C-alpha atoms as a PDB file:
ATOM      1  CA  UNK A   1      92.637  86.022 -91.712  1.00  0.00           C
ATOM      2  CA  UNK A   2      96.056  86.716 -93.219  1.00  0.00           C
ATOM      3  CA  UNK A   3      96.785  87.589 -97.142  1.00  0.00           C
ATOM      4  CA  UNK A   4      98.215  84.014 -98.947  1.00  0.00           C
ATOM      5  CA  UNK A   5      97.794  82.729-102.143  1.00  0.00           C
ATOM      6  CA  UNK A   6      97.848  79.596-104.002  1.00  0.00           C
ATOM      7  CA  UNK A   7     101.412  78.419-104.573  1.00  0.00           C
ATOM      8  CA  UNK A   8     101.161  76.976-107.806  1.00  0.00           C
ATOM      9  CA  UNK A   9     103.066  74.052-109.040  1.00  0.00           C
ATOM     10  CA  UNK A  10     102.594  72.414-112.203  1.00  0.00           C
ATOM     11  CA  UNK A  11     103.793  69.100-111.492  1.00  0.00           C
ATOM     12  CA  UNK A  12     101.227  68.891-108.642  1.00  0.00           C
ATOM     13  CA  UNK A  13      97.885  67.869-108.511  1.00  0.00           C
ATOM     14  CA  UNK A  14      95.365  70.906-107.407  1.00  0.00           C
ATOM     15  CA  UNK A  15      94.514  69.271-104.192  1.00  0.00           C
ATOM     16  CA  UNK A  16      98.028  68.371-103.272  1.00  0.00           C
ATOM     17  CA  UNK A  17      98.826  72.598-104.506  1.00  0.00           C
ATOM     18  CA  UNK A  18      95.980  73.295-101.899  1.00  0.00           C
ATOM     19  CA  UNK A  19      97.257  71.255 -98.966  1.00  0.00           C
ATOM     20  CA  UNK A  20     100.812  72.823 -99.492  1.00  0.00           C
ATOM     21  CA  UNK A  21      99.361  76.054 -99.696  1.00  0.00           C
ATOM     22  CA  UNK A  22      97.081  76.113 -96.600  1.00  0.00           C
ATOM     23  CA  UNK A  23      99.914  74.058 -94.799  1.00  0.00           C
ATOM     24  CA  UNK A  24     102.467  76.455 -95.163  1.00  0.00           C
ATOM     25  CA  UNK A  25     100.261  79.124 -94.077  1.00  0.00           C
ATOM     26  CA  UNK A  26      99.505  77.511 -91.103  1.00  0.00           C
ATOM     27  CA  UNK A  27     103.424  76.927 -89.897  1.00  0.00           C
ATOM     28  CA  UNK A  28     104.298  80.626 -90.913  1.00  0.00           C
ATOM     29  CA  UNK A  29     101.287  81.890 -88.784  1.00  0.00           C
ATOM     30  CA  UNK A  30      99.160  83.211 -91.409  1.00  0.00           C
ATOM     31  CA  UNK A  31      96.755  81.009 -90.397  1.00  0.00           C
ATOM     32  CA  UNK A  32      96.709  81.233 -86.638  1.00  0.00           C
ATOM     33  CA  UNK A  33      95.926  78.599 -83.627  1.00  0.00           C
ATOM     34  CA  UNK A  34      92.504  78.807 -83.222  1.00  0.00           C
ATOM     35  CA  UNK A  35      91.437  80.028 -86.271  1.00  0.00           C
ATOM     36  CA  UNK A  36      88.150  78.408 -87.801  1.00  0.00           C
ATOM     37  CA  UNK A  37      89.208  77.056 -91.229  1.00  0.00           C
ATOM     38  CA  UNK A  38      85.770  77.343 -93.119  1.00  0.00           C
ATOM     39  CA  UNK A  39      85.586  75.503 -96.565  1.00  0.00           C
ATOM     40  CA  UNK A  40      83.672  78.014 -98.427  1.00  0.00           C
ATOM     41  CA  UNK A  41      85.785  81.144 -97.803  1.00  0.00           C
ATOM     42  CA  UNK A  42      89.149  79.473 -98.385  1.00  0.00           C
ATOM     43  CA  UNK A  43      87.981  78.190-101.995  1.00  0.00           C
ATOM     44  CA  UNK A  44      87.059  81.514-102.592  1.00  0.00           C
ATOM     45  CA  UNK A  45      90.115  83.227-101.316  1.00  0.00           C
ATOM     46  CA  UNK A  46      92.082  80.409-103.132  1.00  0.00           C
ATOM     47  CA  UNK A  47      90.365  80.363-106.607  1.00  0.00           C
ATOM     48  CA  UNK A  48      89.184  76.817-106.309  1.00  0.00           C
ATOM     49  CA  UNK A  49      86.591  74.474-105.682  1.00  0.00           C
ATOM     50  CA  UNK A  50      85.337  73.121-101.987  1.00  0.00           C
ATOM     51  CA  UNK A  51      86.537  69.781-102.773  1.00  0.00           C
ATOM     52  CA  UNK A  52      90.235  69.944-102.672  1.00  0.00           C
ATOM     53  CA  UNK A  53      89.955  72.394 -99.790  1.00  0.00           C
ATOM     54  CA  UNK A  54      87.977  69.827 -98.208  1.00  0.00           C
ATOM     55  CA  UNK A  55      90.672  67.077 -98.973  1.00  0.00           C
ATOM     56  CA  UNK A  56      93.519  69.354 -97.624  1.00  0.00           C
ATOM     57  CA  UNK A  57      92.367  70.221 -94.348  1.00  0.00           C
ATOM     58  CA  UNK A  58      91.895  66.055 -93.676  1.00  0.00           C
ATOM     59  CA  UNK A  59      95.420  65.751 -94.487  1.00  0.00           C
ATOM     60  CA  UNK A  60      96.355  68.938 -92.338  1.00  0.00           C
ATOM     61  CA  UNK A  61      94.137  66.797 -89.342  1.00  0.00           C
ATOM     62  CA  UNK A  62      96.582  63.835 -90.104  1.00  0.00           C
ATOM     63  CA  UNK A  63      99.177  66.081 -89.585  1.00  0.00           C
ATOM     64  CA  UNK A  64      98.341  67.512 -86.850  1.00  0.00           C
ATOM     65  CA  UNK A  65      98.081  70.814 -87.664  1.00  0.00           C
ATOM     66  CA  UNK A  66      94.505  70.879 -87.661  1.00  0.00           C
ATOM     67  CA  UNK A  67      91.546  70.230 -85.017  1.00  0.00           C
ATOM     68  CA  UNK A  68      87.987  68.705 -85.856  1.00  0.00           C
ATOM     69  CA  UNK A  69      85.814  70.446 -83.186  1.00  0.00           C
ATOM     70  CA  UNK A  70      82.151  69.514 -82.739  1.00  0.00           C
ATOM     71  CA  UNK A  71      79.616  72.231 -83.843  1.00  0.00           C
ATOM     72  CA  UNK A  72      82.788  74.619 -84.791  1.00  0.00           C
ATOM     73  CA  UNK A  73      84.605  72.674 -87.435  1.00  0.00           C
ATOM     74  CA  UNK A  74      88.247  72.591 -88.780  1.00  0.00           C
ATOM     75  CA  UNK A  75      90.218  75.091 -86.567  1.00  0.00           C
ATOM     76  CA  UNK A  76      94.038  75.581 -86.155  1.00  0.00           C
ATOM     77  CA  UNK A  77      95.475  73.184 -83.627  1.00  0.00           C
ATOM     78  CA  UNK A  78      97.278  75.161 -80.900  1.00  0.00           C
ATOM     79  CA  UNK A  79     100.826  74.684 -80.134  1.00  0.00           C
ATOM     80  CA  UNK A  80     100.862  72.686 -76.498  1.00  0.00           C
ATOM     81  CA  UNK A  81     102.897  71.713 -74.310  1.00  0.00           C
ATOM     82  CA  UNK A  82     101.689  68.326 -74.223  1.00  0.00           C
ATOM     83  CA  UNK A  83     102.026  68.213 -78.529  1.00  0.00           C
ATOM     84  CA  UNK A  84     105.432  69.084 -78.014  1.00  0.00           C
ATOM     85  CA  UNK A  85     106.509  66.723 -75.674  1.00  0.00           C
ATOM     86  CA  UNK A  86     105.008  63.958 -77.101  1.00  0.00           C
ATOM     87  CA  UNK A  87     106.613  64.879 -80.122  1.00  0.00           C
ATOM     88  CA  UNK A  88     110.015  65.182 -78.785  1.00  0.00           C
ATOM     89  CA  UNK A  89     109.605  61.954 -76.847  1.00  0.00           C
ATOM     90  CA  UNK A  90     109.482  60.234 -80.306  1.00  0.00           C
ATOM     91  CA  UNK A  91     112.219  62.475 -82.283  1.00  0.00           C
ATOM     92  CA  UNK A  92     114.569  61.856 -79.319  1.00  0.00           C
ATOM     93  CA  UNK A  93     114.345  57.921 -79.928  1.00  0.00           C
ATOM     94  CA  UNK A  94     114.610  58.004 -83.408  1.00  0.00           C
ATOM     95  CA  UNK A  95     117.543  60.706 -83.598  1.00  0.00           C
ATOM     96  CA  UNK A  96     119.243  58.239 -81.197  1.00  0.00           C
ATOM     97  CA  UNK A  97     119.047  55.699 -83.877  1.00  0.00           C
ATOM     98  CA  UNK A  98     119.601  57.988 -86.459  1.00  0.00           C
ATOM     99  CA  UNK A  99     123.263  59.417 -85.452  1.00  0.00           C
ATOM    100  CA  UNK A 100     123.989  56.076 -84.511  1.00  0.00           C
ATOM    101  CA  UNK A 101     123.409  54.507 -87.978  1.00  0.00           C
ATOM    102  CA  UNK A 102     124.733  57.923 -89.728  1.00  0.00           C
ATOM    103  CA  UNK A 103     128.405  57.430 -87.538  1.00  0.00           C
ATOM    104  CA  UNK A 104     128.679  53.632 -89.174  1.00  0.00           C
ATOM    105  CA  UNK A 105     127.774  54.751 -92.352  1.00  0.00           C
ATOM    106  CA  UNK A 106     128.252  58.233 -93.398  1.00  0.00           C
ATOM    107  CA  UNK A 107     130.084  58.741 -96.275  1.00  0.00           C
ATOM    108  CA  UNK A 108     133.095  61.814 -97.085  1.00  0.00           C
ATOM    109  CA  UNK A 109     130.792  63.023 -99.710  1.00  0.00           C
ATOM    110  CA  UNK A 110     127.839  63.284 -97.563  1.00  0.00           C
ATOM    111  CA  UNK A 111     129.916  64.787 -95.012  1.00  0.00           C
ATOM    112  CA  UNK A 112     130.754  67.370 -97.576  1.00  0.00           C
ATOM    113  CA  UNK A 113     127.438  67.859 -98.163  1.00  0.00           C
ATOM    114  CA  UNK A 114     126.673  68.366 -94.070  1.00  0.00           C
ATOM    115  CA  UNK A 115     129.659  71.233 -94.612  1.00  0.00           C
ATOM    116  CA  UNK A 116     128.232  73.207 -97.334  1.00  0.00           C
ATOM    117  CA  UNK A 117     124.394  72.737 -95.566  1.00  0.00           C
ATOM    118  CA  UNK A 118     125.977  74.032 -92.469  1.00  0.00           C
ATOM    119  CA  UNK A 119     127.310  77.158 -94.136  1.00  0.00           C
ATOM    120  CA  UNK A 120     123.990  77.877 -95.893  1.00  0.00           C
ATOM    121  CA  UNK A 121     122.399  77.808 -92.253  1.00  0.00           C
ATOM    122  CA  UNK A 122     125.041  79.981 -90.799  1.00  0.00           C
ATOM    123  CA  UNK A 123     124.474  82.422 -93.646  1.00  0.00           C
ATOM    124  CA  UNK A 124     121.056  82.274 -93.174  1.00  0.00           C
ATOM    125  CA  UNK A 125     121.212  83.517 -89.498  1.00  0.00           C
ATOM    126  CA  UNK A 126     122.318  86.842 -90.751  1.00  0.00           C
ATOM    127  CA  UNK A 127     119.383  87.972 -92.554  1.00  0.00           C
ATOM    128  CA  UNK A 128     115.443  88.380 -90.646  1.00  0.00           C
ATOM    129  CA  UNK A 129     113.733  85.362 -92.756  1.00  0.00           C
ATOM    130  CA  UNK A 130     112.925  83.197 -89.792  1.00  0.00           C
ATOM    131  CA  UNK A 131     111.278  80.436 -92.579  1.00  0.00           C
ATOM    132  CA  UNK A 132     114.791  80.679 -94.401  1.00  0.00           C
ATOM    133  CA  UNK A 133     116.588  79.825 -91.086  1.00  0.00           C
ATOM    134  CA  UNK A 134     114.335  77.062 -90.315  1.00  0.00           C
ATOM    135  CA  UNK A 135     114.207  75.122 -93.927  1.00  0.00           C
ATOM    136  CA  UNK A 136     118.357  75.450 -93.589  1.00  0.00           C
ATOM    137  CA  UNK A 137     118.512  74.003 -90.144  1.00  0.00           C
ATOM    138  CA  UNK A 138     115.919  71.281 -91.619  1.00  0.00           C
ATOM    139  CA  UNK A 139     118.307  70.655 -94.357  1.00  0.00           C
ATOM    140  CA  UNK A 140     121.392  69.917 -92.365  1.00  0.00           C
ATOM    141  CA  UNK A 141     119.140  67.362 -90.470  1.00  0.00           C
ATOM    142  CA  UNK A 142     118.006  65.848 -93.390  1.00  0.00           C
ATOM    143  CA  UNK A 143     121.846  65.404 -94.287  1.00  0.00           C
ATOM    144  CA  UNK A 144     121.881  63.227 -91.184  1.00  0.00           C
ATOM    145  CA  UNK A 145     119.160  61.188 -91.787  1.00  0.00           C
ATOM    146  CA  UNK A 146     119.987  60.335 -95.636  1.00  0.00           C
ATOM    147  CA  UNK A 147     123.318  59.348 -94.121  1.00  0.00           C
ATOM    148  CA  UNK A 148     121.515  56.602 -92.494  1.00  0.00           C
ATOM    149  CA  UNK A 149     120.633  54.764 -95.400  1.00  0.00           C
ATOM    150  CA  UNK A 150     117.251  53.756 -94.230  1.00  0.00           C
ATOM    151  CA  UNK A 151     114.359  54.858 -95.997  1.00  0.00           C
ATOM    152  CA  UNK A 152     111.993  54.293 -93.461  1.00  0.00           C
ATOM    153  CA  UNK A 153     113.437  56.129 -90.780  1.00  0.00           C
ATOM    154  CA  UNK A 154     113.958  58.787 -93.082  1.00  0.00           C
ATOM    155  CA  UNK A 155     109.924  58.712 -94.007  1.00  0.00           C
ATOM    156  CA  UNK A 156     109.129  58.952 -90.306  1.00  0.00           C
ATOM    157  CA  UNK A 157     111.802  61.460 -89.299  1.00  0.00           C
ATOM    158  CA  UNK A 158     110.355  63.853 -92.527  1.00  0.00           C
ATOM    159  CA  UNK A 159     106.771  63.195 -91.168  1.00  0.00           C
ATOM    160  CA  UNK A 160     107.859  64.306 -87.300  1.00  0.00           C
ATOM    161  CA  UNK A 161     110.025  67.325 -88.828  1.00  0.00           C
ATOM    162  CA  UNK A 162     107.034  68.492 -90.296  1.00  0.00           C
ATOM    163  CA  UNK A 163     105.222  68.522 -86.848  1.00  0.00           C
ATOM    164  CA  UNK A 164     107.979  70.313 -85.335  1.00  0.00           C
ATOM    165  CA  UNK A 165     108.086  73.149 -87.379  1.00  0.00           C
ATOM    166  CA  UNK A 166     105.888  75.484 -85.536  1.00  0.00           C
ATOM    167  CA  UNK A 167     108.345  74.848 -82.478  1.00  0.00           C
ATOM    168  CA  UNK A 168     111.503  75.419 -84.376  1.00  0.00           C
ATOM    169  CA  UNK A 169     110.171  78.769 -85.529  1.00  0.00           C
ATOM    170  CA  UNK A 170     109.450  80.072 -82.692  1.00  0.00           C
ATOM    171  CA  UNK A 171     112.996  78.594 -81.144  1.00  0.00           C
ATOM    172  CA  UNK A 172     114.454  80.405 -84.376  1.00  0.00           C
ATOM    173  CA  UNK A 173     112.869  83.678 -83.417  1.00  0.00           C
ATOM    174  CA  UNK A 174     115.134  84.212 -80.385  1.00  0.00           C
ATOM    175  CA  UNK A 175     118.477  85.281 -81.958  1.00  0.00           C
ATOM    176  CA  UNK A 176     120.220  84.458 -78.495  1.00  0.00           C
ATOM    177  CA  UNK A 177     119.774  80.575 -79.849  1.00  0.00           C
ATOM    178  CA  UNK A 178     121.925  81.361 -83.150  1.00  0.00           C
ATOM    179  CA  UNK A 179     125.433  81.334 -82.155  1.00  0.00           C
ATOM    180  CA  UNK A 180     124.237  78.210 -79.717  1.00  0.00           C
ATOM    181  CA  UNK A 181     122.750  76.123 -82.888  1.00  0.00           C
ATOM    182  CA  UNK A 182     125.782  77.197 -84.684  1.00  0.00           C
ATOM    183  CA  UNK A 183     128.105  75.396 -82.214  1.00  0.00           C
ATOM    184  CA  UNK A 184     125.785  72.506 -81.658  1.00  0.00           C
ATOM    185  CA  UNK A 185     125.739  71.786 -85.703  1.00  0.00           C
ATOM    186  CA  UNK A 186     129.667  72.080 -85.599  1.00  0.00           C
ATOM    187  CA  UNK A 187     129.694  69.544 -82.900  1.00  0.00           C
ATOM    188  CA  UNK A 188     127.507  67.362 -84.525  1.00  0.00           C
ATOM    189  CA  UNK A 189     129.475  67.440 -87.695  1.00  0.00           C
ATOM    190  CA  UNK A 190     133.091  66.479 -85.940  1.00  0.00           C
ATOM    191  CA  UNK A 191     131.485  64.115 -84.050  1.00  0.00           C
ATOM    192  CA  UNK A 192     130.084  62.087 -87.138  1.00  0.00           C
ATOM    193  CA  UNK A 193     133.509  62.742 -89.014  1.00  0.00           C
ATOM    194  CA  UNK A 194     135.508  61.416 -86.196  1.00  0.00           C
ATOM    195  CA  UNK A 195     132.729  58.520 -86.461  1.00  0.00           C
ATOM    196  CA  UNK A 196     131.958  58.896 -82.625  1.00  0.00           C
ATOM    197  CA  UNK A 197     128.722  57.826 -81.968  1.00  0.00           C
ATOM    198  CA  UNK A 198     128.565  58.518 -78.318  1.00  0.00           C
ATOM    199  CA  UNK A 199     129.911  62.187 -78.596  1.00  0.00           C
ATOM    200  CA  UNK A 200     127.009  62.995 -81.588  1.00  0.00           C
ATOM    201  CA  UNK A 201     124.388  61.298 -79.546  1.00  0.00           C
ATOM    202  CA  UNK A 202     125.075  63.455 -76.516  1.00  0.00           C
ATOM    203  CA  UNK A 203     125.357  66.775 -78.749  1.00  0.00           C
ATOM    204  CA  UNK A 204     122.001  65.826 -80.138  1.00  0.00           C
ATOM    205  CA  UNK A 205     120.045  65.087 -77.321  1.00  0.00           C
ATOM    206  CA  UNK A 206     121.652  68.213 -75.733  1.00  0.00           C
ATOM    207  CA  UNK A 207     120.724  70.155 -78.907  1.00  0.00           C
ATOM    208  CA  UNK A 208     116.850  68.964 -78.945  1.00  0.00           C
ATOM    209  CA  UNK A 209     116.845  69.462 -74.871  1.00  0.00           C
ATOM    210  CA  UNK A 210     117.634  72.776 -75.255  1.00  0.00           C
ATOM    211  CA  UNK A 211     114.823  73.649 -77.764  1.00  0.00           C
ATOM    212  CA  UNK A 212     112.362  71.861 -75.674  1.00  0.00           C
ATOM    213  CA  UNK A 213     112.932  73.653 -72.834  1.00  0.00           C
ATOM    214  CA  UNK A 214     113.274  77.357 -74.403  1.00  0.00           C
ATOM    215  CA  UNK A 215     109.826  76.321 -76.419  1.00  0.00           C
ATOM    216  CA  UNK A 216     108.000  75.042 -73.128  1.00  0.00           C
ATOM    217  CA  UNK A 217     109.379  78.268 -71.409  1.00  0.00           C
ATOM    218  CA  UNK A 218     107.415  80.544 -74.090  1.00  0.00           C
ATOM    219  CA  UNK A 219     104.410  78.249 -74.103  1.00  0.00           C
ATOM    220  CA  UNK A 220     104.007  78.637 -70.136  1.00  0.00           C
ATOM    221  CA  UNK A 221     104.477  81.896 -70.524  1.00  0.00           C
ATOM    222  CA  UNK A 222     101.070  82.492 -72.561  1.00  0.00           C
ATOM    223  CA  UNK A 223      99.286  80.078 -70.268  1.00  0.00           C
END
Protein backbone atom coordinates (compact mmCIF):
# COMPACT_ATOMS: atom_id res chain seq x y z
CA UNK A 1 0.00 0.00 0.00
CA UNK A 2 1.43 3.39 -1.04
CA UNK A 3 1.87 6.26 1.38
CA UNK A 4 -0.98 8.73 1.69
CA UNK A 5 -2.28 10.84 4.55
CA UNK A 6 -5.64 12.04 5.79
CA UNK A 7 -6.52 15.23 3.91
CA UNK A 8 -7.89 17.23 6.81
CA UNK A 9 -10.62 19.80 6.18
CA UNK A 10 -12.12 21.59 9.16
CA UNK A 11 -15.32 22.31 7.23
CA UNK A 12 -16.13 18.65 6.48
CA UNK A 13 -17.30 15.82 8.75
CA UNK A 14 -14.63 13.18 9.39
CA UNK A 15 -16.47 10.57 7.29
CA UNK A 16 -16.31 12.92 4.27
CA UNK A 17 -12.63 13.64 4.86
CA UNK A 18 -11.89 9.90 4.94
CA UNK A 19 -13.96 9.39 1.79
CA UNK A 20 -12.14 12.15 -0.11
CA UNK A 21 -8.75 10.88 1.06
CA UNK A 22 -9.40 7.31 -0.08
CA UNK A 23 -11.01 8.48 -3.28
CA UNK A 24 -8.01 10.58 -4.25
CA UNK A 25 -5.68 7.72 -3.34
CA UNK A 26 -7.55 5.49 -5.82
CA UNK A 27 -7.74 8.11 -8.56
CA UNK A 28 -4.04 8.92 -8.27
CA UNK A 29 -3.08 5.26 -8.26
CA UNK A 30 -1.81 5.25 -4.65
CA UNK A 31 -4.37 2.50 -4.05
CA UNK A 32 -4.03 0.32 -7.12
CA UNK A 33 -6.66 -1.63 -9.11
CA UNK A 34 -7.28 -5.01 -7.49
CA UNK A 35 -5.83 -3.94 -4.14
CA UNK A 36 -7.79 -5.01 -1.06
CA UNK A 37 -9.19 -2.31 1.19
CA UNK A 38 -9.04 -3.67 4.72
CA UNK A 39 -10.93 -1.49 7.15
CA UNK A 40 -8.69 -2.06 10.14
CA UNK A 41 -5.46 -1.34 8.23
CA UNK A 42 -6.89 1.80 6.60
CA UNK A 43 -8.26 3.01 9.94
CA UNK A 44 -4.84 2.55 11.57
CA UNK A 45 -3.08 4.25 8.67
CA UNK A 46 -5.39 7.27 8.76
CA UNK A 47 -5.65 7.43 12.53
CA UNK A 48 -9.43 7.07 12.65
CA UNK A 49 -11.96 4.48 13.79
CA UNK A 50 -13.28 1.82 11.41
CA UNK A 51 -16.74 3.44 11.12
CA UNK A 52 -15.81 6.37 8.80
CA UNK A 53 -13.64 4.00 6.76
CA UNK A 54 -16.56 1.59 6.35
CA UNK A 55 -18.85 4.45 5.32
CA UNK A 56 -16.27 5.74 2.84
CA UNK A 57 -15.88 2.31 1.23
CA UNK A 58 -19.65 2.11 0.75
CA UNK A 59 -19.67 5.48 -1.01
CA UNK A 60 -16.72 4.46 -3.17
CA UNK A 61 -18.64 1.33 -4.16
CA UNK A 62 -21.56 3.51 -5.29
CA UNK A 63 -19.15 5.53 -7.45
CA UNK A 64 -17.83 2.37 -9.06
CA UNK A 65 -14.33 2.84 -7.67
CA UNK A 66 -14.62 -0.10 -5.28
CA UNK A 67 -16.06 -3.58 -5.73
CA UNK A 68 -17.32 -5.93 -3.01
CA UNK A 69 -16.13 -9.46 -3.79
CA UNK A 70 -17.45 -12.51 -1.91
CA UNK A 71 -14.93 -14.01 0.55
CA UNK A 72 -12.46 -11.25 -0.32
CA UNK A 73 -14.18 -8.04 0.69
CA UNK A 74 -13.63 -4.58 -0.76
CA UNK A 75 -11.09 -4.14 -3.57
CA UNK A 76 -10.18 -1.23 -5.81
CA UNK A 77 -12.07 -1.64 -9.09
CA UNK A 78 -10.06 -2.48 -12.19
CA UNK A 79 -10.07 -0.10 -15.14
CA UNK A 80 -11.95 -2.15 -17.76
CA UNK A 81 -12.95 -1.74 -21.38
CA UNK A 82 -16.63 -2.36 -20.54
CA UNK A 83 -16.67 0.29 -17.82
CA UNK A 84 -15.01 2.82 -20.11
CA UNK A 85 -17.46 2.22 -22.95
CA UNK A 86 -20.47 2.35 -20.60
CA UNK A 87 -19.36 5.66 -19.11
CA UNK A 88 -18.54 7.20 -22.47
CA UNK A 89 -21.89 6.23 -24.01
CA UNK A 90 -23.65 8.18 -21.28
CA UNK A 91 -21.15 11.03 -21.38
CA UNK A 92 -21.55 11.45 -25.14
CA UNK A 93 -25.31 11.88 -24.85
CA UNK A 94 -25.06 14.31 -21.94
CA UNK A 95 -22.25 16.34 -23.53
CA UNK A 96 -24.42 16.76 -26.62
CA UNK A 97 -27.18 18.27 -24.50
CA UNK A 98 -24.70 20.42 -22.54
CA UNK A 99 -23.12 21.88 -25.68
CA UNK A 100 -26.50 22.70 -27.22
CA UNK A 101 -27.67 24.46 -24.07
CA UNK A 102 -24.37 26.26 -23.57
CA UNK A 103 -24.39 27.60 -27.13
CA UNK A 104 -27.79 29.10 -26.50
CA UNK A 105 -27.21 30.45 -22.99
CA UNK A 106 -23.51 31.21 -22.50
CA UNK A 107 -22.68 34.80 -21.50
CA UNK A 108 -19.63 36.90 -22.29
CA UNK A 109 -18.59 36.61 -18.66
CA UNK A 110 -18.74 32.82 -18.90
CA UNK A 111 -16.79 32.85 -22.16
CA UNK A 112 -14.09 34.92 -20.47
CA UNK A 113 -14.00 32.41 -17.63
CA UNK A 114 -13.52 29.62 -20.18
CA UNK A 115 -10.65 31.52 -21.81
CA UNK A 116 -8.97 31.88 -18.43
CA UNK A 117 -9.42 28.20 -17.66
CA UNK A 118 -8.03 27.23 -21.04
CA UNK A 119 -4.94 29.33 -20.31
CA UNK A 120 -4.53 27.60 -16.95
CA UNK A 121 -4.81 24.25 -18.72
CA UNK A 122 -2.13 25.23 -21.23
CA UNK A 123 0.25 26.26 -18.46
CA UNK A 124 -0.38 23.02 -16.54
CA UNK A 125 0.95 21.04 -19.50
CA UNK A 126 4.44 22.50 -19.04
CA UNK A 127 4.89 20.68 -15.73
CA UNK A 128 5.00 17.03 -14.72
CA UNK A 129 1.93 17.05 -12.47
CA UNK A 130 -0.61 14.94 -14.36
CA UNK A 131 -3.19 15.44 -11.61
CA UNK A 132 -2.92 19.22 -12.06
CA UNK A 133 -3.45 18.81 -15.82
CA UNK A 134 -6.49 16.63 -15.21
CA UNK A 135 -7.92 19.17 -12.76
CA UNK A 136 -7.40 22.03 -15.21
CA UNK A 137 -9.00 20.01 -18.00
CA UNK A 138 -12.03 19.24 -15.83
CA UNK A 139 -12.41 22.90 -14.85
CA UNK A 140 -12.49 23.89 -18.52
CA UNK A 141 -15.36 21.47 -19.11
CA UNK A 142 -17.03 22.57 -15.87
CA UNK A 143 -17.31 26.05 -17.37
CA UNK A 144 -19.30 24.61 -20.28
CA UNK A 145 -21.58 22.72 -17.91
CA UNK A 146 -22.16 25.85 -15.80
CA UNK A 147 -23.18 27.75 -18.93
CA UNK A 148 -26.10 25.36 -19.47
CA UNK A 149 -27.90 26.83 -16.47
CA UNK A 150 -29.29 23.35 -15.78
CA UNK A 151 -28.31 22.30 -12.25
CA UNK A 152 -29.61 18.74 -12.68
CA UNK A 153 -27.51 18.21 -15.78
CA UNK A 154 -24.45 19.67 -14.05
CA UNK A 155 -24.96 17.32 -11.10
CA UNK A 156 -25.15 14.24 -13.33
CA UNK A 157 -22.16 15.33 -15.42
CA UNK A 158 -20.11 15.95 -12.28
CA UNK A 159 -20.82 12.44 -11.05
CA UNK A 160 -19.90 11.03 -14.44
CA UNK A 161 -16.77 13.15 -14.52
CA UNK A 162 -15.58 11.51 -11.33
CA UNK A 163 -15.99 8.09 -12.92
CA UNK A 164 -13.97 9.33 -15.90
CA UNK A 165 -11.11 10.69 -13.81
CA UNK A 166 -8.90 7.59 -13.91
CA UNK A 167 -9.35 7.30 -17.67
CA UNK A 168 -8.56 11.00 -18.12
CA UNK A 169 -5.37 10.53 -16.10
CA UNK A 170 -4.26 7.70 -18.39
CA UNK A 171 -4.84 9.88 -21.46
CA UNK A 172 -2.96 12.86 -20.04
CA UNK A 173 0.09 10.74 -19.21
CA UNK A 174 0.71 10.63 -22.96
CA UNK A 175 2.39 13.96 -23.76
CA UNK A 176 1.59 13.54 -27.44
CA UNK A 177 -2.06 14.09 -26.55
CA UNK A 178 -1.43 17.54 -25.09
CA UNK A 179 -1.23 19.57 -28.29
CA UNK A 180 -4.36 17.83 -29.57
CA UNK A 181 -6.25 18.68 -26.38
CA UNK A 182 -5.24 22.34 -26.62
CA UNK A 183 -6.42 22.52 -30.22
CA UNK A 184 -9.73 20.83 -29.43
CA UNK A 185 -10.34 23.14 -26.47
CA UNK A 186 -9.71 26.13 -28.74
CA UNK A 187 -12.15 24.79 -31.34
CA UNK A 188 -14.84 24.19 -28.72
CA UNK A 189 -14.34 27.67 -27.31
CA UNK A 190 -14.47 29.29 -30.75
CA UNK A 191 -17.67 27.41 -31.61
CA UNK A 192 -19.29 28.55 -28.36
CA UNK A 193 -18.24 32.15 -29.08
CA UNK A 194 -19.91 31.85 -32.49
CA UNK A 195 -22.97 30.14 -30.96
CA UNK A 196 -22.33 27.38 -33.51
CA UNK A 197 -23.90 24.35 -31.80
CA UNK A 198 -23.23 22.00 -34.73
CA UNK A 199 -19.51 22.80 -34.80
CA UNK A 200 -19.22 22.65 -31.00
CA UNK A 201 -20.91 19.26 -30.98
CA UNK A 202 -18.70 17.87 -33.78
CA UNK A 203 -15.52 18.92 -31.96
CA UNK A 204 -16.80 17.60 -28.62
CA UNK A 205 -17.62 14.19 -30.11
CA UNK A 206 -14.18 14.01 -31.74
CA UNK A 207 -12.63 15.09 -28.43
CA UNK A 208 -14.33 12.25 -26.52
CA UNK A 209 -13.83 9.61 -29.21
CA UNK A 210 -10.11 10.36 -29.45
CA UNK A 211 -9.73 9.82 -25.70
CA UNK A 212 -11.78 6.63 -25.88
CA UNK A 213 -9.67 5.15 -28.69
CA UNK A 214 -6.41 6.01 -26.92
CA UNK A 215 -7.47 4.49 -23.60
CA UNK A 216 -9.02 1.42 -25.23
CA UNK A 217 -5.69 0.82 -26.93
CA UNK A 218 -3.92 1.01 -23.58
CA UNK A 219 -6.41 -1.31 -21.88
CA UNK A 220 -6.25 -3.83 -24.73
CA UNK A 221 -2.46 -4.00 -24.41
CA UNK A 222 -2.77 -4.76 -20.70
CA UNK A 223 -5.18 -7.66 -21.25
